[in-house]
Amino acid sequence: MHFTVKNLLKVSENVKEKLSKNYSLNKSPKIIAVSKTFKIEHIMPLIEYGHVDFGENKVQEAFEKWNKLKEKNKNVKLHLIGRLQSNKVKIAVKLFDYIHSLDSKKLADKIAIHQKEQNLNKKLFIQVNIGDEEQKFGIKKEEILDFYHYCKNLNLNIIGLMCIPPFNEDSNKYFKEMKILKEKLQLNELSMGMSSDYLNALENNSTYIRVGSNIFGPRS
């Protein structure tokens, strides 16, 4: 068994154990294997094992890696978890099934235009700047309601919220805030939790966890 599959099974086991200890938690979340910077030979064992959810940060890298791979593996779901530049929207809308990083009205407008042109309706997460950090992208907490209605008026399929908490801080308090925001908007999905804190995210009902190094190993 390839090491990436063993690692995925370990993450799955940790998730099951966490859920079994707290029956108030959601059903099992989707585990997004974050394959950014990793080559096809690391990814193929997971696809062959039957894993379907993969995450990439950069549109161009993802296109080169996944365009043909997705044609051959129709059940694979590709998630864009990195920032989406407006000049890459056309490719992103065609390639990705989920976009986790909707972070501006300009981007919402572009997605709406390209989806209409291609007759597509992708699943979108609004990225929240939950720590109110100047260097990070995302919608401010106090502007979420207005932005959500803006997106709905464009007929965008907003399924949930996404965040990246401040580095080197306790992510739990930010995950709690996200859970409250999600409930306010009556959305079903939360994309939060990475290799270092996905178990904390589960405690706050995350439904999509984005796990990279715990599956693929450290990035060079």
C-alpha atoms as a PDB file:
ATOM      1  CA  MET A   1       0.000   0.000   0.000  1.00  0.00           C
ATOM      2  CA  HIS A   2       1.390   3.423  -1.003  1.00  0.00           C
ATOM      3  CA  PHE A   3       2.340   5.733   1.884  1.00  0.00           C
ATOM      4  CA  THR A   4      -0.186   8.386   0.790  1.00  0.00           C
ATOM      5  CA  VAL A   5      -3.032   5.856   1.106  1.00  0.00           C
ATOM      6  CA  LYS A   6      -1.770   4.755   4.539  1.00  0.00           C
ATOM      7  CA  ASN A   7      -1.669   8.400   5.622  1.00  0.00           C
ATOM      8  CA  LEU A   8      -5.172   9.055   4.297  1.00  0.00           C
ATOM      9  CA  LEU A   9      -6.481   6.041   6.232  1.00  0.00           C
ATOM     10  CA  LYS A  10      -4.827   7.371   9.398  1.00  0.00           C
ATOM     11  CA  VAL A  11      -6.532  10.765   8.931  1.00  0.00           C
ATOM     12  CA  SER A  12      -9.866   8.972   8.315  1.00  0.00           C
ATOM     13  CA  GLU A  13      -9.337   6.928  11.486  1.00  0.00           C
ATOM     14  CA  ASN A  14      -8.632  10.078  13.520  1.00  0.00           C
ATOM     15  CA  VAL A  15     -11.803  11.663  12.135  1.00  0.00           C
ATOM     16  CA  LYS A  16     -13.926   8.595  12.990  1.00  0.00           C
ATOM     17  CA  GLU A  17     -12.503   8.478  16.504  1.00  0.00           C
ATOM     18  CA  LYS A  18     -13.261  12.171  17.032  1.00  0.00           C
ATOM     19  CA  LEU A  19     -16.831  11.783  15.779  1.00  0.00           C
ATOM     20  CA  SER A  20     -17.442   8.657  17.867  1.00  0.00           C
ATOM     21  CA  LYS A  21     -16.550  10.570  21.044  1.00  0.00           C
ATOM     22  CA  ASN A  22     -19.044  13.347  20.359  1.00  0.00           C
ATOM     23  CA  TYR A  23     -22.397  12.338  18.901  1.00  0.00           C
ATOM     24  CA  SER A  24     -23.499  15.959  18.456  1.00  0.00           C
ATOM     25  CA  LEU A  25     -20.973  16.399  15.651  1.00  0.00           C
ATOM     26  CA  ASN A  26     -21.789  16.303  11.962  1.00  0.00           C
ATOM     27  CA  LYS A  27     -21.645  13.273   9.789  1.00  0.00           C
ATOM     28  CA  SER A  28     -18.175  12.461   8.511  1.00  0.00           C
ATOM     29  CA  PRO A  29     -16.593  15.428   6.700  1.00  0.00           C
ATOM     30  CA  LYS A  30     -15.145  15.346   3.213  1.00  0.00           C
ATOM     31  CA  ILE A  31     -11.366  15.014   3.362  1.00  0.00           C
ATOM     32  CA  ILE A  32      -9.736  17.147   0.679  1.00  0.00           C
ATOM     33  CA  ALA A  33      -6.272  15.756  -0.092  1.00  0.00           C
ATOM     34  CA  VAL A  34      -4.304  18.937  -0.813  1.00  0.00           C
ATOM     35  CA  SER A  35      -2.044  17.874  -3.665  1.00  0.00           C
ATOM     36  CA  LYS A  36      -0.500  21.259  -4.524  1.00  0.00           C
ATOM     37  CA  THR A  37       3.164  20.951  -5.613  1.00  0.00           C
ATOM     38  CA  PHE A  38       2.957  17.129  -5.603  1.00  0.00           C
ATOM     39  CA  LYS A  39       3.374  15.167  -8.801  1.00  0.00           C
ATOM     40  CA  ILE A  40       0.938  12.719 -10.400  1.00  0.00           C
ATOM     41  CA  GLU A  41       2.819   9.674  -9.057  1.00  0.00           C
ATOM     42  CA  HIS A  42       1.932  10.762  -5.501  1.00  0.00           C
ATOM     43  CA  ILE A  43      -1.694  11.381  -6.440  1.00  0.00           C
ATOM     44  CA  MET A  44      -2.462   8.296  -8.539  1.00  0.00           C
ATOM     45  CA  PRO A  45      -2.357   5.790  -5.622  1.00  0.00           C
ATOM     46  CA  LEU A  46      -5.107   7.802  -3.888  1.00  0.00           C
ATOM     47  CA  ILE A  47      -7.239   7.932  -7.051  1.00  0.00           C
ATOM     48  CA  GLU A  48      -6.742   4.184  -7.558  1.00  0.00           C
ATOM     49  CA  TYR A  49      -7.717   3.585  -3.930  1.00  0.00           C
ATOM     50  CA  GLY A  50     -10.980   5.459  -4.613  1.00  0.00           C
ATOM     51  CA  HIS A  51     -10.393   8.846  -3.015  1.00  0.00           C
ATOM     52  CA  VAL A  52     -12.237  11.578  -4.925  1.00  0.00           C
ATOM     53  CA  ASP A  53     -11.625  14.993  -3.296  1.00  0.00           C
ATOM     54  CA  PHE A  54      -8.385  16.822  -4.140  1.00  0.00           C
ATOM     55  CA  GLY A  55      -7.310  20.412  -3.499  1.00  0.00           C
ATOM     56  CA  GLU A  56      -5.012  22.715  -5.452  1.00  0.00           C
ATOM     57  CA  ASN A  57      -3.793  26.246  -4.784  1.00  0.00           C
ATOM     58  CA  LYS A  58      -2.845  27.516  -8.226  1.00  0.00           C
ATOM     59  CA  VAL A  59      -5.023  27.402 -11.323  1.00  0.00           C
ATOM     60  CA  GLN A  60      -2.190  26.979 -13.856  1.00  0.00           C
ATOM     61  CA  GLU A  61      -0.466  24.183 -11.932  1.00  0.00           C
ATOM     62  CA  ALA A  62      -3.822  22.461 -11.436  1.00  0.00           C
ATOM     63  CA  PHE A  63      -4.689  22.707 -15.134  1.00  0.00           C
ATOM     64  CA  GLU A  64      -1.387  21.141 -16.232  1.00  0.00           C
ATOM     65  CA  LYS A  65      -1.762  18.352 -13.690  1.00  0.00           C
ATOM     66  CA  TRP A  66      -5.483  17.625 -13.712  1.00  0.00           C
ATOM     67  CA  ASN A  67      -6.949  18.522 -17.108  1.00  0.00           C
ATOM     68  CA  LYS A  68      -6.374  15.094 -18.684  1.00  0.00           C
ATOM     69  CA  LEU A  69      -6.453  13.256 -15.358  1.00  0.00           C
ATOM     70  CA  LYS A  70     -10.006  14.440 -14.700  1.00  0.00           C
ATOM     71  CA  GLU A  71     -11.153  13.325 -18.133  1.00  0.00           C
ATOM     72  CA  LYS A  72      -9.965   9.808 -17.326  1.00  0.00           C
ATOM     73  CA  ASN A  73     -11.304   9.876 -13.753  1.00  0.00           C
ATOM     74  CA  LYS A  74     -14.781  11.370 -14.011  1.00  0.00           C
ATOM     75  CA  ASN A  75     -15.624  10.873 -10.339  1.00  0.00           C
ATOM     76  CA  VAL A  76     -12.751  13.069  -9.090  1.00  0.00           C
ATOM     77  CA  LYS A  77     -13.832  16.365  -7.501  1.00  0.00           C
ATOM     78  CA  LEU A  78     -11.289  19.172  -7.691  1.00  0.00           C
ATOM     79  CA  HIS A  79     -11.289  21.986  -5.119  1.00  0.00           C
ATOM     80  CA  LEU A  80      -9.592  25.356  -5.605  1.00  0.00           C
ATOM     81  CA  ILE A  81      -8.434  26.341  -2.127  1.00  0.00           C
ATOM     82  CA  GLY A  82      -5.956  29.092  -3.065  1.00  0.00           C
ATOM     83  CA  ARG A  83      -6.635  32.631  -4.198  1.00  0.00           C
ATOM     84  CA  LEU A  84      -8.395  32.966  -7.539  1.00  0.00           C
ATOM     85  CA  GLN A  85      -7.109  35.835  -9.689  1.00  0.00           C
ATOM     86  CA  SER A  86      -9.745  37.376 -11.919  1.00  0.00           C
ATOM     87  CA  ASN A  87      -7.734  36.663 -15.110  1.00  0.00           C
ATOM     88  CA  LYS A  88      -7.833  32.920 -14.295  1.00  0.00           C
ATOM     89  CA  VAL A  89     -11.579  32.643 -13.665  1.00  0.00           C
ATOM     90  CA  LYS A  90     -12.453  31.248 -17.094  1.00  0.00           C
ATOM     91  CA  ILE A  91     -10.101  28.257 -16.702  1.00  0.00           C
ATOM     92  CA  ALA A  92     -10.967  27.781 -13.013  1.00  0.00           C
ATOM     93  CA  VAL A  93     -14.706  27.614 -13.653  1.00  0.00           C
ATOM     94  CA  LYS A  94     -14.150  24.938 -16.290  1.00  0.00           C
ATOM     95  CA  LEU A  95     -11.651  22.849 -14.295  1.00  0.00           C
ATOM     96  CA  PHE A  96     -12.731  22.992 -10.644  1.00  0.00           C
ATOM     97  CA  ASP A  97     -15.887  21.540  -9.121  1.00  0.00           C
ATOM     98  CA  TYR A  98     -15.612  23.651  -5.961  1.00  0.00           C
ATOM     99  CA  ILE A  99     -14.083  27.089  -5.396  1.00  0.00           C
ATOM    100  CA  HIS A 100     -13.318  27.780  -1.728  1.00  0.00           C
ATOM    101  CA  SER A 101     -11.853  31.262  -2.127  1.00  0.00           C
ATOM    102  CA  LEU A 102     -14.588  33.651  -3.288  1.00  0.00           C
ATOM    103  CA  ASP A 103     -13.318  36.848  -1.676  1.00  0.00           C
ATOM    104  CA  SER A 104     -14.593  39.935  -3.542  1.00  0.00           C
ATOM    105  CA  LYS A 105     -17.508  41.373  -5.514  1.00  0.00           C
ATOM    106  CA  LYS A 106     -15.230  41.713  -8.549  1.00  0.00           C
ATOM    107  CA  LEU A 107     -14.500  37.975  -8.401  1.00  0.00           C
ATOM    108  CA  ALA A 108     -18.185  37.156  -7.875  1.00  0.00           C
ATOM    109  CA  ASP A 109     -19.040  39.185 -11.012  1.00  0.00           C
ATOM    110  CA  LYS A 110     -16.392  37.367 -13.072  1.00  0.00           C
ATOM    111  CA  ILE A 111     -17.492  33.917 -11.904  1.00  0.00           C
ATOM    112  CA  ALA A 112     -21.107  34.764 -12.738  1.00  0.00           C
ATOM    113  CA  ILE A 113     -20.131  35.882 -16.276  1.00  0.00           C
ATOM    114  CA  HIS A 114     -17.954  32.841 -17.066  1.00  0.00           C
ATOM    115  CA  GLN A 115     -20.414  30.367 -15.556  1.00  0.00           C
ATOM    116  CA  LYS A 116     -23.169  31.767 -17.735  1.00  0.00           C
ATOM    117  CA  GLU A 117     -20.960  31.574 -20.843  1.00  0.00           C
ATOM    118  CA  GLN A 118     -20.069  27.937 -20.125  1.00  0.00           C
ATOM    119  CA  ASN A 119     -23.501  26.971 -18.771  1.00  0.00           C
ATOM    120  CA  LEU A 120     -21.986  25.821 -15.451  1.00  0.00           C
ATOM    121  CA  ASN A 121     -22.971  26.183 -11.808  1.00  0.00           C
ATOM    122  CA  LYS A 122     -20.027  25.509  -9.497  1.00  0.00           C
ATOM    123  CA  LYS A 123     -20.200  25.036  -5.738  1.00  0.00           C
ATOM    124  CA  LEU A 124     -18.737  28.083  -4.015  1.00  0.00           C
ATOM    125  CA  PHE A 125     -17.502  28.984  -0.544  1.00  0.00           C
ATOM    126  CA  ILE A 126     -17.170  32.576   0.628  1.00  0.00           C
ATOM    127  CA  GLN A 127     -13.721  33.092   2.134  1.00  0.00           C
ATOM    128  CA  VAL A 128     -13.994  34.914   5.456  1.00  0.00           C
ATOM    129  CA  ASN A 129     -11.105  36.973   6.831  1.00  0.00           C
ATOM    130  CA  ILE A 130     -11.972  35.619  10.272  1.00  0.00           C
ATOM    131  CA  GLY A 131      -8.918  37.065  12.050  1.00  0.00           C
ATOM    132  CA  ASP A 132      -9.343  40.486  10.399  1.00  0.00           C
ATOM    133  CA  GLU A 133      -5.745  40.294   9.135  1.00  0.00           C
ATOM    134  CA  GLU A 134      -4.504  43.007   6.783  1.00  0.00           C
ATOM    135  CA  GLN A 135      -2.286  40.649   4.773  1.00  0.00           C
ATOM    136  CA  LYS A 136      -5.049  38.091   4.176  1.00  0.00           C
ATOM    137  CA  PHE A 137      -7.815  38.032   1.603  1.00  0.00           C
ATOM    138  CA  GLY A 138     -11.426  37.355   2.444  1.00  0.00           C
ATOM    139  CA  ILE A 139     -14.636  39.131   3.383  1.00  0.00           C
ATOM    140  CA  LYS A 140     -14.752  40.857   6.761  1.00  0.00           C
ATOM    141  CA  LYS A 141     -17.154  39.338   9.290  1.00  0.00           C
ATOM    142  CA  GLU A 142     -19.313  42.471   9.449  1.00  0.00           C
ATOM    143  CA  GLU A 143     -19.681  42.492   5.636  1.00  0.00           C
ATOM    144  CA  ILE A 144     -20.603  38.817   5.202  1.00  0.00           C
ATOM    145  CA  LEU A 145     -24.385  39.249   5.110  1.00  0.00           C
ATOM    146  CA  ASP A 146     -24.224  41.995   2.485  1.00  0.00           C
ATOM    147  CA  PHE A 147     -21.735  40.007   0.386  1.00  0.00           C
ATOM    148  CA  TYR A 148     -23.803  36.819   0.629  1.00  0.00           C
ATOM    149  CA  HIS A 149     -26.900  38.621  -0.711  1.00  0.00           C
ATOM    150  CA  TYR A 150     -24.790  40.195  -3.468  1.00  0.00           C
ATOM    151  CA  CYS A 151     -23.711  36.700  -4.581  1.00  0.00           C
ATOM    152  CA  LYS A 152     -27.234  35.300  -4.366  1.00  0.00           C
ATOM    153  CA  ASN A 153     -28.451  38.130  -6.616  1.00  0.00           C
ATOM    154  CA  LEU A 154     -25.907  36.913  -9.190  1.00  0.00           C
ATOM    155  CA  ASN A 155     -27.418  33.401  -8.890  1.00  0.00           C
ATOM    156  CA  LEU A 156     -24.154  32.022  -7.526  1.00  0.00           C
ATOM    157  CA  ASN A 157     -24.378  28.664  -5.767  1.00  0.00           C
ATOM    158  CA  ILE A 158     -22.990  29.568  -2.330  1.00  0.00           C
ATOM    159  CA  ILE A 159     -22.864  26.369  -0.300  1.00  0.00           C
ATOM    160  CA  GLY A 160     -20.736  27.487   2.652  1.00  0.00           C
ATOM    161  CA  LEU A 161     -17.966  29.527   4.241  1.00  0.00           C
ATOM    162  CA  MET A 162     -14.189  29.001   4.306  1.00  0.00           C
ATOM    163  CA  CYS A 163     -11.467  30.399   6.552  1.00  0.00           C
ATOM    164  CA  ILE A 164      -7.750  30.233   7.303  1.00  0.00           C
ATOM    165  CA  PRO A 165      -7.303  31.289  10.965  1.00  0.00           C
ATOM    166  CA  PRO A 166      -4.340  33.428  12.037  1.00  0.00           C
ATOM    167  CA  PHE A 167      -1.095  31.476  12.154  1.00  0.00           C
ATOM    168  CA  ASN A 168       0.315  30.572  15.591  1.00  0.00           C
ATOM    169  CA  GLU A 169      -2.960  31.317  17.376  1.00  0.00           C
ATOM    170  CA  ASP A 170      -5.547  29.008  18.883  1.00  0.00           C
ATOM    171  CA  SER A 171      -7.746  28.275  15.873  1.00  0.00           C
ATOM    172  CA  ASN A 172     -10.618  27.067  18.057  1.00  0.00           C
ATOM    173  CA  LYS A 173     -12.048  30.506  18.802  1.00  0.00           C
ATOM    174  CA  TYR A 174     -12.045  31.375  15.098  1.00  0.00           C
ATOM    175  CA  PHE A 175     -13.713  28.063  14.190  1.00  0.00           C
ATOM    176  CA  LYS A 176     -16.436  28.818  16.755  1.00  0.00           C
ATOM    177  CA  GLU A 177     -17.052  32.213  15.126  1.00  0.00           C
ATOM    178  CA  MET A 178     -17.273  30.553  11.716  1.00  0.00           C
ATOM    179  CA  LYS A 179     -19.854  28.083  12.970  1.00  0.00           C
ATOM    180  CA  ILE A 180     -21.999  30.966  14.249  1.00  0.00           C
ATOM    181  CA  LEU A 181     -21.681  32.844  10.923  1.00  0.00           C
ATOM    182  CA  LYS A 182     -22.640  29.727   8.969  1.00  0.00           C
ATOM    183  CA  GLU A 183     -25.755  29.252  11.101  1.00  0.00           C
ATOM    184  CA  LYS A 184     -26.729  32.922  10.700  1.00  0.00           C
ATOM    185  CA  LEU A 185     -26.652  32.530   6.923  1.00  0.00           C
ATOM    186  CA  GLN A 186     -28.344  29.101   7.128  1.00  0.00           C
ATOM    187  CA  LEU A 187     -25.630  27.489   5.030  1.00  0.00           C
ATOM    188  CA  ASN A 188     -24.805  23.782   5.163  1.00  0.00           C
ATOM    189  CA  GLU A 189     -21.045  23.677   4.644  1.00  0.00           C
ATOM    190  CA  LEU A 190     -17.898  24.852   6.404  1.00  0.00           C
ATOM    191  CA  SER A 191     -14.453  24.505   4.839  1.00  0.00           C
ATOM    192  CA  MET A 192     -11.961  24.763   7.681  1.00  0.00           C
ATOM    193  CA  GLY A 193      -9.215  22.779   9.323  1.00  0.00           C
ATOM    194  CA  MET A 194      -5.843  21.769   7.910  1.00  0.00           C
ATOM    195  CA  SER A 195      -3.205  19.183   8.870  1.00  0.00           C
ATOM    196  CA  SER A 196      -2.403  20.956  12.147  1.00  0.00           C
ATOM    197  CA  ASP A 197      -5.938  21.676  13.368  1.00  0.00           C
ATOM    198  CA  TYR A 198      -8.522  19.579  11.499  1.00  0.00           C
ATOM    199  CA  LEU A 199      -9.664  17.827  14.686  1.00  0.00           C
ATOM    200  CA  ASN A 200     -10.422  21.234  16.265  1.00  0.00           C
ATOM    201  CA  ALA A 201     -12.336  22.168  13.135  1.00  0.00           C
ATOM    202  CA  LEU A 202     -14.458  19.028  13.463  1.00  0.00           C
ATOM    203  CA  GLU A 203     -15.521  20.100  16.955  1.00  0.00           C
ATOM    204  CA  ASN A 204     -17.078  23.131  15.284  1.00  0.00           C
ATOM    205  CA  ASN A 205     -18.875  21.141  12.602  1.00  0.00           C
ATOM    206  CA  SER A 206     -16.473  21.593   9.706  1.00  0.00           C
ATOM    207  CA  THR A 207     -17.776  19.606   6.736  1.00  0.00           C
ATOM    208  CA  TYR A 208     -14.691  19.919   4.479  1.00  0.00           C
ATOM    209  CA  ILE A 209     -11.188  19.554   5.928  1.00  0.00           C
ATOM    210  CA  ARG A 210      -8.152  20.437   3.795  1.00  0.00           C
ATOM    211  CA  VAL A 211      -5.308  18.042   4.621  1.00  0.00           C
ATOM    212  CA  GLY A 212      -1.978  18.240   2.783  1.00  0.00           C
ATOM    213  CA  SER A 213       1.199  17.315   4.668  1.00  0.00           C
ATOM    214  CA  ASN A 214      -0.537  14.698   6.836  1.00  0.00           C
ATOM    215  CA  ILE A 215      -1.313  12.796   3.636  1.00  0.00           C
ATOM    216  CA  PHE A 216       1.486  13.667   1.193  1.00  0.00           C
ATOM    217  CA  GLY A 217       4.288  14.415   3.661  1.00  0.00           C
ATOM    218  CA  PRO A 218       6.254  17.649   4.008  1.00  0.00           C
ATOM    219  CA  ARG A 219       6.649  19.889   0.966  1.00  0.00           C
ATOM    220  CA  SER A 220      10.198  20.450  -0.241  1.00  0.00           C
END
